[in-house]
């Protein structure tokens, strides 16, 4: 694999999603014209990039792979952060990859988000939450009682939803819904 570009980056995102949705991931890998071996190799290479002392860090790292980003300022209390967003990826039309940068330039969050102007899918009940149908922000927008928690790995996120039908936890990888379970 020469270079590291958007296609390989999508394979990296898929690698972590395979823990929850191996069938969807297998279909997506084939859709990219790749193999499981290539997905593992892309992930291993990305891990080497993350640990490299010479590869750029922060925003420059992602721009080296994904190209130029649209950057805007985000105020969180007294802190001013930058948010960088790239156009939608092939596998998830309507979803953009986004990173949030701390004032020192380090990446504090990286995930898929609904692209500007793309409508949120219909989500009236927990049954409407099907794998790969929505992102973290969609759930917060559509359900009133949502509590967010960091996941057990940097790419994972959990949201607890309390509805008239019960309490559920939605598991996300790179911001994309993977599974919902009653608790």
N, C-alpha and C. Protein backbone atom coordinates (compact mmCIF):
# COMPACT_ATOMS: atom_id res chain seq x y z
N UNK A 1 0.87 -1.17 0.00
CA UNK A 1 0.00 0.00 0.00
C UNK A 1 0.90 1.22 0.00
N UNK A 2 0.82 1.98 -1.05
CA UNK A 2 1.64 3.18 -1.18
C UNK A 2 0.80 4.38 -0.78
N UNK A 3 1.35 5.27 0.02
CA UNK A 3 0.59 6.43 0.46
C UNK A 3 -0.49 6.03 1.45
N UNK A 4 -1.14 7.01 2.00
CA UNK A 4 -2.24 6.76 2.92
C UNK A 4 -3.28 7.81 2.60
N UNK A 5 -4.43 7.39 2.10
CA UNK A 5 -5.41 8.35 1.64
C UNK A 5 -6.79 8.02 2.21
N UNK A 6 -7.80 8.69 1.68
CA UNK A 6 -9.17 8.56 2.19
C UNK A 6 -9.65 7.11 2.22
N UNK A 7 -9.35 6.34 1.18
CA UNK A 7 -9.78 4.94 1.13
C UNK A 7 -9.20 4.16 2.31
N UNK A 8 -7.90 4.30 2.53
CA UNK A 8 -7.26 3.59 3.63
C UNK A 8 -7.77 4.09 4.98
N UNK A 9 -8.04 5.39 5.05
CA UNK A 9 -8.57 5.94 6.30
C UNK A 9 -9.93 5.32 6.62
N UNK A 10 -10.76 5.12 5.60
CA UNK A 10 -12.04 4.46 5.82
C UNK A 10 -11.85 3.03 6.31
N UNK A 11 -10.84 2.35 5.80
CA UNK A 11 -10.54 0.99 6.27
C UNK A 11 -10.16 1.01 7.75
N UNK A 12 -9.43 2.05 8.17
CA UNK A 12 -9.07 2.18 9.60
C UNK A 12 -10.33 2.34 10.44
N UNK A 13 -11.26 3.18 10.00
CA UNK A 13 -12.51 3.37 10.74
C UNK A 13 -13.28 2.05 10.82
N UNK A 14 -13.30 1.31 9.72
CA UNK A 14 -14.02 0.04 9.69
C UNK A 14 -13.42 -0.99 10.63
N UNK A 15 -12.11 -0.98 10.79
CA UNK A 15 -11.44 -1.98 11.64
C UNK A 15 -12.02 -2.00 13.04
N UNK A 16 -12.28 -0.85 13.64
CA UNK A 16 -12.84 -0.81 14.99
C UNK A 16 -14.34 -1.15 14.98
N UNK A 17 -15.02 -0.84 13.88
CA UNK A 17 -16.46 -1.15 13.79
C UNK A 17 -16.70 -2.65 13.66
N UNK A 18 -15.70 -3.39 13.19
CA UNK A 18 -15.85 -4.84 13.01
C UNK A 18 -16.12 -5.55 14.33
N UNK A 19 -15.74 -4.95 15.45
CA UNK A 19 -16.02 -5.55 16.76
C UNK A 19 -17.51 -5.67 17.01
N UNK A 20 -18.30 -4.75 16.45
CA UNK A 20 -19.75 -4.73 16.65
C UNK A 20 -20.54 -5.23 15.45
N UNK A 21 -20.11 -4.87 14.25
CA UNK A 21 -20.89 -5.15 13.04
C UNK A 21 -20.02 -5.81 11.96
N UNK A 22 -19.58 -7.05 12.19
CA UNK A 22 -18.70 -7.69 11.21
C UNK A 22 -19.34 -7.84 9.83
N UNK A 23 -20.63 -8.09 9.75
CA UNK A 23 -21.28 -8.24 8.45
C UNK A 23 -21.31 -6.95 7.66
N UNK A 24 -21.68 -5.85 8.32
CA UNK A 24 -21.69 -4.55 7.65
C UNK A 24 -20.28 -4.14 7.23
N UNK A 25 -19.32 -4.44 8.08
CA UNK A 25 -17.93 -4.10 7.76
C UNK A 25 -17.45 -4.91 6.57
N UNK A 26 -17.77 -6.18 6.55
CA UNK A 26 -17.35 -7.03 5.41
C UNK A 26 -17.91 -6.49 4.10
N UNK A 27 -19.17 -6.11 4.11
CA UNK A 27 -19.80 -5.54 2.91
C UNK A 27 -19.11 -4.22 2.51
N UNK A 28 -18.80 -3.38 3.50
CA UNK A 28 -18.15 -2.10 3.23
C UNK A 28 -16.74 -2.28 2.68
N UNK A 29 -16.01 -3.23 3.24
CA UNK A 29 -14.65 -3.50 2.77
C UNK A 29 -14.70 -3.93 1.30
N UNK A 30 -15.63 -4.83 0.98
CA UNK A 30 -15.78 -5.25 -0.42
C UNK A 30 -16.17 -4.06 -1.30
N UNK A 31 -17.05 -3.19 -0.77
CA UNK A 31 -17.47 -2.01 -1.52
C UNK A 31 -16.32 -1.07 -1.85
N UNK A 32 -15.29 -1.09 -1.02
CA UNK A 32 -14.10 -0.28 -1.27
C UNK A 32 -13.09 -1.00 -2.16
N UNK A 33 -13.44 -2.24 -2.54
CA UNK A 33 -12.53 -3.02 -3.37
C UNK A 33 -11.31 -3.48 -2.59
N UNK A 34 -11.49 -3.71 -1.30
CA UNK A 34 -10.37 -4.09 -0.44
C UNK A 34 -10.63 -5.49 0.15
N UNK A 35 -9.65 -5.98 0.86
CA UNK A 35 -9.77 -7.26 1.56
C UNK A 35 -9.60 -7.03 3.06
N UNK A 36 -9.95 -8.04 3.84
CA UNK A 36 -9.75 -7.94 5.29
C UNK A 36 -8.26 -7.76 5.61
N UNK A 37 -7.41 -8.41 4.84
CA UNK A 37 -5.97 -8.26 5.04
C UNK A 37 -5.56 -6.81 4.81
N UNK A 38 -6.07 -6.20 3.75
CA UNK A 38 -5.73 -4.81 3.49
C UNK A 38 -6.26 -3.90 4.60
N UNK A 39 -7.44 -4.23 5.15
CA UNK A 39 -7.99 -3.45 6.26
C UNK A 39 -7.05 -3.54 7.48
N UNK A 40 -6.59 -4.74 7.79
CA UNK A 40 -5.67 -4.91 8.92
C UNK A 40 -4.35 -4.17 8.67
N UNK A 41 -3.85 -4.24 7.44
CA UNK A 41 -2.60 -3.54 7.10
C UNK A 41 -2.77 -2.03 7.21
N UNK A 42 -3.90 -1.51 6.75
CA UNK A 42 -4.16 -0.07 6.85
C UNK A 42 -4.22 0.35 8.31
N UNK A 43 -4.86 -0.45 9.14
CA UNK A 43 -4.95 -0.14 10.56
C UNK A 43 -3.57 -0.17 11.21
N UNK A 44 -2.77 -1.17 10.88
CA UNK A 44 -1.41 -1.25 11.45
C UNK A 44 -0.58 -0.04 11.02
N UNK A 45 -0.72 0.35 9.77
CA UNK A 45 0.02 1.52 9.31
C UNK A 45 -0.45 2.79 10.01
N UNK A 46 -1.76 2.93 10.21
CA UNK A 46 -2.30 4.11 10.92
C UNK A 46 -1.76 4.14 12.35
N UNK A 47 -1.68 2.99 12.99
CA UNK A 47 -1.14 2.94 14.35
C UNK A 47 0.32 3.39 14.36
N UNK A 48 1.08 3.00 13.35
CA UNK A 48 2.48 3.46 13.26
C UNK A 48 2.53 4.97 13.06
N UNK A 49 1.61 5.50 12.24
CA UNK A 49 1.56 6.96 12.03
C UNK A 49 1.26 7.66 13.35
N UNK A 50 0.31 7.14 14.11
CA UNK A 50 -0.06 7.76 15.39
C UNK A 50 1.11 7.79 16.36
N UNK A 51 1.96 6.78 16.30
CA UNK A 51 3.07 6.68 17.24
C UNK A 51 4.37 7.30 16.70
N UNK A 52 4.37 7.73 15.46
CA UNK A 52 5.57 8.26 14.83
C UNK A 52 5.99 9.59 15.47
N UNK A 53 7.29 9.74 15.62
CA UNK A 53 7.82 11.02 16.14
C UNK A 53 7.99 12.03 15.01
N UNK A 54 7.99 11.56 13.76
CA UNK A 54 8.26 12.46 12.64
C UNK A 54 7.02 12.84 11.84
N UNK A 55 5.97 12.02 11.90
CA UNK A 55 4.75 12.35 11.14
C UNK A 55 4.06 13.53 11.83
N UNK A 56 3.48 14.46 11.06
CA UNK A 56 2.83 15.62 11.68
C UNK A 56 1.76 15.20 12.70
N UNK A 57 1.51 16.08 13.65
CA UNK A 57 0.50 15.84 14.69
C UNK A 57 -0.69 16.76 14.46
N UNK A 58 -1.74 16.53 15.25
CA UNK A 58 -2.91 17.40 15.23
C UNK A 58 -3.55 17.50 13.86
N UNK A 59 -3.97 18.70 13.52
CA UNK A 59 -4.67 18.94 12.26
C UNK A 59 -3.81 18.53 11.05
N UNK A 60 -2.53 18.82 11.09
CA UNK A 60 -1.65 18.50 9.96
C UNK A 60 -1.62 17.01 9.65
N UNK A 61 -1.73 16.16 10.67
CA UNK A 61 -1.75 14.71 10.46
C UNK A 61 -2.96 14.33 9.60
N UNK A 62 -4.11 14.84 9.98
CA UNK A 62 -5.33 14.48 9.26
C UNK A 62 -5.37 15.11 7.87
N UNK A 63 -4.85 16.32 7.73
CA UNK A 63 -4.82 16.94 6.41
C UNK A 63 -3.86 16.21 5.47
N UNK A 64 -2.82 15.61 6.00
CA UNK A 64 -1.90 14.82 5.18
C UNK A 64 -2.62 13.60 4.59
N UNK A 65 -3.61 13.11 5.28
CA UNK A 65 -4.35 11.92 4.85
C UNK A 65 -5.63 12.28 4.10
N UNK A 66 -6.39 13.23 4.64
CA UNK A 66 -7.73 13.53 4.12
C UNK A 66 -7.79 14.77 3.24
N UNK A 67 -6.71 15.53 3.18
CA UNK A 67 -6.71 16.77 2.40
C UNK A 67 -7.11 17.94 3.29
N UNK A 68 -7.23 19.13 2.68
CA UNK A 68 -7.56 20.32 3.46
C UNK A 68 -8.92 20.20 4.14
N UNK A 69 -9.01 20.76 5.33
CA UNK A 69 -10.25 20.72 6.11
C UNK A 69 -10.87 22.11 6.16
N UNK A 70 -12.17 22.13 6.40
CA UNK A 70 -12.86 23.37 6.73
C UNK A 70 -12.73 23.52 8.24
N UNK A 71 -12.16 24.62 8.70
CA UNK A 71 -11.91 24.81 10.13
C UNK A 71 -12.73 25.98 10.64
N UNK A 72 -13.35 25.77 11.81
CA UNK A 72 -14.11 26.84 12.45
C UNK A 72 -13.77 26.83 13.94
N UNK A 73 -14.05 27.94 14.58
CA UNK A 73 -13.80 28.06 16.02
C UNK A 73 -15.02 27.56 16.79
N UNK A 74 -14.76 26.94 17.92
CA UNK A 74 -15.81 26.46 18.83
C UNK A 74 -15.45 26.91 20.23
N UNK A 75 -16.35 27.62 20.86
CA UNK A 75 -16.13 28.04 22.25
C UNK A 75 -16.82 27.04 23.17
N UNK A 76 -16.06 26.53 24.12
CA UNK A 76 -16.60 25.63 25.14
C UNK A 76 -16.28 26.31 26.47
N UNK A 77 -17.27 27.00 27.01
CA UNK A 77 -17.02 27.80 28.21
C UNK A 77 -16.03 28.90 27.89
N UNK A 78 -14.93 28.93 28.64
CA UNK A 78 -13.89 29.94 28.42
C UNK A 78 -12.82 29.48 27.44
N UNK A 79 -12.94 28.28 26.92
CA UNK A 79 -11.91 27.71 26.06
C UNK A 79 -12.32 27.84 24.60
N UNK A 80 -11.39 28.24 23.78
CA UNK A 80 -11.61 28.34 22.35
C UNK A 80 -10.90 27.18 21.66
N UNK A 81 -11.68 26.35 20.98
CA UNK A 81 -11.14 25.20 20.26
C UNK A 81 -11.36 25.39 18.77
N UNK A 82 -10.64 24.64 17.98
CA UNK A 82 -10.90 24.59 16.54
C UNK A 82 -11.57 23.26 16.23
N UNK A 83 -12.51 23.30 15.28
CA UNK A 83 -13.16 22.10 14.77
C UNK A 83 -12.83 22.02 13.29
N UNK A 84 -12.25 20.91 12.88
CA UNK A 84 -11.91 20.68 11.48
C UNK A 84 -12.82 19.59 10.93
N UNK A 85 -13.33 19.84 9.71
CA UNK A 85 -14.27 18.89 9.11
C UNK A 85 -13.90 18.68 7.65
N UNK A 86 -14.03 17.41 7.22
CA UNK A 86 -13.75 17.04 5.85
C UNK A 86 -15.04 16.62 5.15
N UNK A 87 -15.07 16.73 3.83
CA UNK A 87 -16.27 16.31 3.09
C UNK A 87 -16.60 14.84 3.36
N UNK A 88 -17.86 14.46 3.12
CA UNK A 88 -18.26 13.07 3.40
C UNK A 88 -17.35 12.04 2.74
N UNK A 89 -17.21 10.92 3.44
CA UNK A 89 -16.44 9.79 2.95
C UNK A 89 -17.34 8.91 2.08
N UNK A 90 -16.74 8.16 1.18
CA UNK A 90 -17.47 7.31 0.24
C UNK A 90 -18.46 6.38 0.92
N UNK A 91 -18.05 5.75 2.00
CA UNK A 91 -18.89 4.75 2.65
C UNK A 91 -20.11 5.33 3.35
N UNK A 92 -20.01 6.58 3.79
CA UNK A 92 -21.10 7.16 4.57
C UNK A 92 -21.50 8.51 3.98
N UNK A 93 -22.22 8.50 2.85
CA UNK A 93 -22.64 9.78 2.27
C UNK A 93 -23.49 10.54 3.29
N UNK A 94 -23.28 11.81 3.37
CA UNK A 94 -24.02 12.62 4.33
C UNK A 94 -23.33 12.76 5.67
N UNK A 95 -22.26 11.98 5.88
CA UNK A 95 -21.50 12.08 7.13
C UNK A 95 -20.10 12.59 6.82
N UNK A 96 -19.65 13.52 7.63
CA UNK A 96 -18.31 14.08 7.49
C UNK A 96 -17.45 13.62 8.66
N UNK A 97 -16.14 13.56 8.44
CA UNK A 97 -15.23 13.25 9.54
C UNK A 97 -14.82 14.56 10.17
N UNK A 98 -14.85 14.60 11.51
CA UNK A 98 -14.59 15.84 12.23
C UNK A 98 -13.64 15.57 13.39
N UNK A 99 -12.73 16.52 13.60
CA UNK A 99 -11.89 16.48 14.80
C UNK A 99 -12.06 17.79 15.55
N UNK A 100 -11.94 17.71 16.87
CA UNK A 100 -11.94 18.89 17.72
C UNK A 100 -10.53 19.00 18.30
N UNK A 101 -9.97 20.20 18.17
CA UNK A 101 -8.60 20.44 18.62
C UNK A 101 -8.60 21.32 19.85
N UNK A 102 -7.84 20.93 20.86
CA UNK A 102 -7.65 21.73 22.06
C UNK A 102 -6.83 22.97 21.68
N UNK A 103 -6.79 23.97 22.56
CA UNK A 103 -5.99 25.17 22.27
C UNK A 103 -4.52 24.88 21.95
N UNK A 104 -3.98 23.78 22.49
CA UNK A 104 -2.58 23.45 22.19
C UNK A 104 -2.41 22.69 20.87
N UNK A 105 -3.52 22.46 20.14
CA UNK A 105 -3.47 21.77 18.85
C UNK A 105 -3.63 20.28 18.91
N UNK A 106 -3.73 19.71 20.12
CA UNK A 106 -3.93 18.27 20.22
C UNK A 106 -5.38 17.91 19.91
N UNK A 107 -5.58 16.71 19.38
CA UNK A 107 -6.91 16.22 19.02
C UNK A 107 -7.59 15.66 20.26
N UNK A 108 -8.76 16.22 20.59
CA UNK A 108 -9.49 15.75 21.77
C UNK A 108 -10.72 14.92 21.41
N UNK A 109 -11.16 15.02 20.15
CA UNK A 109 -12.29 14.19 19.71
C UNK A 109 -12.19 14.03 18.21
N UNK A 110 -12.51 12.83 17.73
CA UNK A 110 -12.48 12.54 16.30
C UNK A 110 -13.60 11.56 16.00
N UNK A 111 -14.51 11.97 15.09
CA UNK A 111 -15.64 11.10 14.79
C UNK A 111 -16.40 11.56 13.57
N UNK A 112 -17.33 10.70 13.14
CA UNK A 112 -18.22 11.04 12.05
C UNK A 112 -19.37 11.87 12.58
N UNK A 113 -19.76 12.88 11.82
CA UNK A 113 -20.87 13.76 12.17
C UNK A 113 -21.76 13.94 10.95
N UNK A 114 -22.99 14.31 11.17
CA UNK A 114 -23.89 14.61 10.05
C UNK A 114 -23.39 15.88 9.37
N UNK A 115 -23.26 15.82 8.05
CA UNK A 115 -22.78 16.97 7.29
C UNK A 115 -23.85 18.06 7.29
N UNK A 116 -23.42 19.29 7.16
CA UNK A 116 -24.32 20.44 7.14
C UNK A 116 -25.38 20.26 6.06
N UNK A 117 -26.63 20.53 6.42
CA UNK A 117 -27.72 20.47 5.46
C UNK A 117 -28.29 19.10 5.19
N UNK A 118 -27.68 18.05 5.75
CA UNK A 118 -28.19 16.69 5.56
C UNK A 118 -29.19 16.41 6.67
N UNK A 119 -30.43 16.05 6.32
CA UNK A 119 -31.44 15.85 7.36
C UNK A 119 -31.14 14.65 8.26
N UNK A 120 -31.55 14.79 9.50
CA UNK A 120 -31.43 13.69 10.47
C UNK A 120 -32.49 12.65 10.12
N UNK A 121 -32.13 11.37 10.12
CA UNK A 121 -33.12 10.34 9.79
C UNK A 121 -34.24 10.27 10.82
N UNK A 122 -35.34 9.67 10.43
CA UNK A 122 -36.49 9.49 11.31
C UNK A 122 -36.07 8.61 12.49
N UNK A 123 -36.25 9.14 13.68
CA UNK A 123 -35.93 8.40 14.91
C UNK A 123 -36.97 8.77 15.95
N UNK A 124 -38.06 8.03 15.97
CA UNK A 124 -39.11 8.33 16.93
C UNK A 124 -39.07 7.40 18.13
N UNK A 125 -38.57 6.18 17.93
CA UNK A 125 -38.45 5.21 19.01
C UNK A 125 -37.07 4.57 18.95
N UNK A 126 -36.74 3.83 19.97
CA UNK A 126 -35.46 3.13 20.00
C UNK A 126 -35.38 2.12 18.85
N UNK A 127 -36.51 1.57 18.41
CA UNK A 127 -36.51 0.63 17.29
C UNK A 127 -36.00 1.26 16.00
N UNK A 128 -36.06 2.58 15.90
CA UNK A 128 -35.56 3.28 14.71
C UNK A 128 -34.04 3.41 14.72
N UNK A 129 -33.42 3.08 15.83
CA UNK A 129 -31.96 3.19 15.94
C UNK A 129 -31.33 1.89 15.44
N UNK A 130 -31.06 1.85 14.16
CA UNK A 130 -30.46 0.66 13.56
C UNK A 130 -28.99 0.97 13.26
N UNK A 131 -28.14 -0.07 13.25
CA UNK A 131 -26.72 0.15 13.02
C UNK A 131 -26.44 0.98 11.77
N UNK A 132 -25.52 1.92 11.94
CA UNK A 132 -24.99 2.79 10.90
C UNK A 132 -26.03 3.78 10.38
N UNK A 133 -27.15 3.96 11.11
CA UNK A 133 -28.21 4.87 10.64
C UNK A 133 -28.03 6.29 11.16
N UNK A 134 -27.24 6.47 12.22
CA UNK A 134 -27.15 7.80 12.81
C UNK A 134 -25.83 7.96 13.55
N UNK A 135 -25.57 9.22 13.94
CA UNK A 135 -24.37 9.56 14.69
C UNK A 135 -24.77 10.08 16.07
N UNK A 136 -23.78 10.29 16.91
CA UNK A 136 -24.03 10.73 18.29
C UNK A 136 -24.92 11.96 18.33
N UNK A 137 -24.63 12.95 17.53
CA UNK A 137 -25.41 14.19 17.53
C UNK A 137 -26.87 13.98 17.15
N UNK A 138 -27.13 13.02 16.26
CA UNK A 138 -28.52 12.73 15.87
C UNK A 138 -29.33 12.24 17.07
N UNK A 139 -28.74 11.36 17.85
CA UNK A 139 -29.45 10.81 19.02
C UNK A 139 -29.73 11.92 20.02
N UNK A 140 -28.77 12.79 20.24
CA UNK A 140 -28.98 13.91 21.17
C UNK A 140 -30.08 14.83 20.67
N UNK A 141 -30.18 15.00 19.37
CA UNK A 141 -31.19 15.88 18.79
C UNK A 141 -32.59 15.28 18.86
N UNK A 142 -32.70 13.96 18.72
CA UNK A 142 -34.02 13.32 18.61
C UNK A 142 -34.58 12.80 19.93
N UNK A 143 -33.73 12.52 20.90
CA UNK A 143 -34.21 11.98 22.18
C UNK A 143 -33.92 12.98 23.29
N UNK A 144 -34.87 13.12 24.20
CA UNK A 144 -34.74 14.14 25.25
C UNK A 144 -33.78 13.75 26.37
N UNK A 145 -33.93 12.56 26.90
CA UNK A 145 -33.14 12.14 28.06
C UNK A 145 -31.96 11.29 27.60
N UNK A 146 -30.83 11.96 27.28
CA UNK A 146 -29.63 11.27 26.82
C UNK A 146 -28.46 11.68 27.70
N UNK A 147 -27.72 10.69 28.17
CA UNK A 147 -26.51 10.92 28.95
C UNK A 147 -25.35 10.31 28.19
N UNK A 148 -24.28 11.08 28.00
CA UNK A 148 -23.14 10.61 27.21
C UNK A 148 -22.00 10.16 28.12
N UNK A 149 -21.29 9.11 27.67
CA UNK A 149 -20.11 8.61 28.38
C UNK A 149 -19.03 8.25 27.38
N UNK A 150 -17.78 8.48 27.77
CA UNK A 150 -16.68 8.00 26.96
C UNK A 150 -16.76 6.49 26.90
N UNK A 151 -16.28 5.91 25.81
CA UNK A 151 -16.26 4.46 25.68
C UNK A 151 -15.02 3.87 26.29
N UNK A 152 -14.83 2.58 26.06
CA UNK A 152 -13.68 1.88 26.62
C UNK A 152 -12.45 1.95 25.72
N UNK A 153 -12.53 2.71 24.64
CA UNK A 153 -11.39 2.97 23.76
C UNK A 153 -11.60 4.36 23.16
N UNK A 154 -10.54 5.01 22.69
CA UNK A 154 -10.69 6.37 22.16
C UNK A 154 -11.71 6.51 21.03
N UNK A 155 -11.91 5.47 20.25
CA UNK A 155 -12.84 5.54 19.12
C UNK A 155 -14.29 5.26 19.52
N UNK A 156 -14.52 4.93 20.77
CA UNK A 156 -15.86 4.50 21.20
C UNK A 156 -16.54 5.54 22.08
N UNK A 157 -17.87 5.53 22.01
CA UNK A 157 -18.71 6.47 22.74
C UNK A 157 -19.99 5.74 23.10
N UNK A 158 -20.56 6.07 24.25
CA UNK A 158 -21.82 5.46 24.67
C UNK A 158 -22.81 6.57 25.02
N UNK A 159 -24.07 6.32 24.72
CA UNK A 159 -25.13 7.24 25.09
C UNK A 159 -26.24 6.43 25.75
N UNK A 160 -26.63 6.84 26.94
CA UNK A 160 -27.73 6.18 27.64
C UNK A 160 -29.00 6.98 27.37
N UNK A 161 -30.02 6.29 26.89
CA UNK A 161 -31.29 6.92 26.55
C UNK A 161 -32.37 6.39 27.48
N UNK A 162 -33.13 7.29 28.07
CA UNK A 162 -34.26 6.89 28.88
C UNK A 162 -35.52 7.30 28.13
N UNK A 163 -36.35 6.31 27.83
CA UNK A 163 -37.59 6.53 27.08
C UNK A 163 -38.75 5.98 27.90
N UNK A 164 -39.99 6.23 27.50
CA UNK A 164 -41.13 5.62 28.21
C UNK A 164 -41.08 4.09 28.18
N UNK A 165 -40.36 3.52 27.20
CA UNK A 165 -40.28 2.06 27.09
C UNK A 165 -39.14 1.44 27.89
N UNK A 166 -38.25 2.27 28.45
CA UNK A 166 -37.13 1.73 29.22
C UNK A 166 -35.86 2.53 29.03
N UNK A 167 -34.78 1.96 29.54
CA UNK A 167 -33.47 2.61 29.44
C UNK A 167 -32.59 1.74 28.55
N UNK A 168 -31.85 2.42 27.66
CA UNK A 168 -31.03 1.74 26.67
C UNK A 168 -29.67 2.40 26.60
N UNK A 169 -28.70 1.62 26.15
CA UNK A 169 -27.39 2.20 25.89
C UNK A 169 -27.09 2.01 24.41
N UNK A 170 -26.72 3.09 23.76
CA UNK A 170 -26.33 3.07 22.35
C UNK A 170 -24.81 3.11 22.28
N UNK A 171 -24.24 2.18 21.54
CA UNK A 171 -22.79 2.09 21.40
C UNK A 171 -22.39 2.65 20.03
N UNK A 172 -21.44 3.56 20.03
CA UNK A 172 -20.95 4.20 18.82
C UNK A 172 -19.47 3.92 18.65
N UNK A 173 -19.04 3.78 17.41
CA UNK A 173 -17.61 3.70 17.08
C UNK A 173 -17.35 4.79 16.05
N UNK A 174 -16.38 5.64 16.32
CA UNK A 174 -16.08 6.80 15.49
C UNK A 174 -17.33 7.64 15.28
N UNK A 175 -18.22 7.68 16.28
CA UNK A 175 -19.41 8.50 16.23
C UNK A 175 -20.59 7.87 15.52
N UNK A 176 -20.42 6.73 14.89
CA UNK A 176 -21.47 6.06 14.13
C UNK A 176 -22.11 4.96 14.97
N UNK A 177 -23.44 4.92 15.01
CA UNK A 177 -24.16 3.94 15.82
C UNK A 177 -23.83 2.52 15.38
N UNK A 178 -23.54 1.67 16.36
CA UNK A 178 -23.25 0.27 16.09
C UNK A 178 -24.34 -0.66 16.63
N UNK A 179 -24.77 -0.42 17.86
CA UNK A 179 -25.75 -1.32 18.47
C UNK A 179 -26.43 -0.59 19.63
N UNK A 180 -27.69 -0.96 19.90
CA UNK A 180 -28.44 -0.43 21.03
C UNK A 180 -28.90 -1.62 21.86
N UNK A 181 -28.71 -1.53 23.17
CA UNK A 181 -29.10 -2.64 24.05
C UNK A 181 -29.89 -2.10 25.25
N UNK A 182 -30.89 -2.85 25.66
CA UNK A 182 -31.65 -2.50 26.87
C UNK A 182 -30.77 -2.75 28.09
N UNK A 183 -30.93 -1.87 29.10
CA UNK A 183 -30.18 -2.09 30.35
C UNK A 183 -31.15 -2.13 31.51
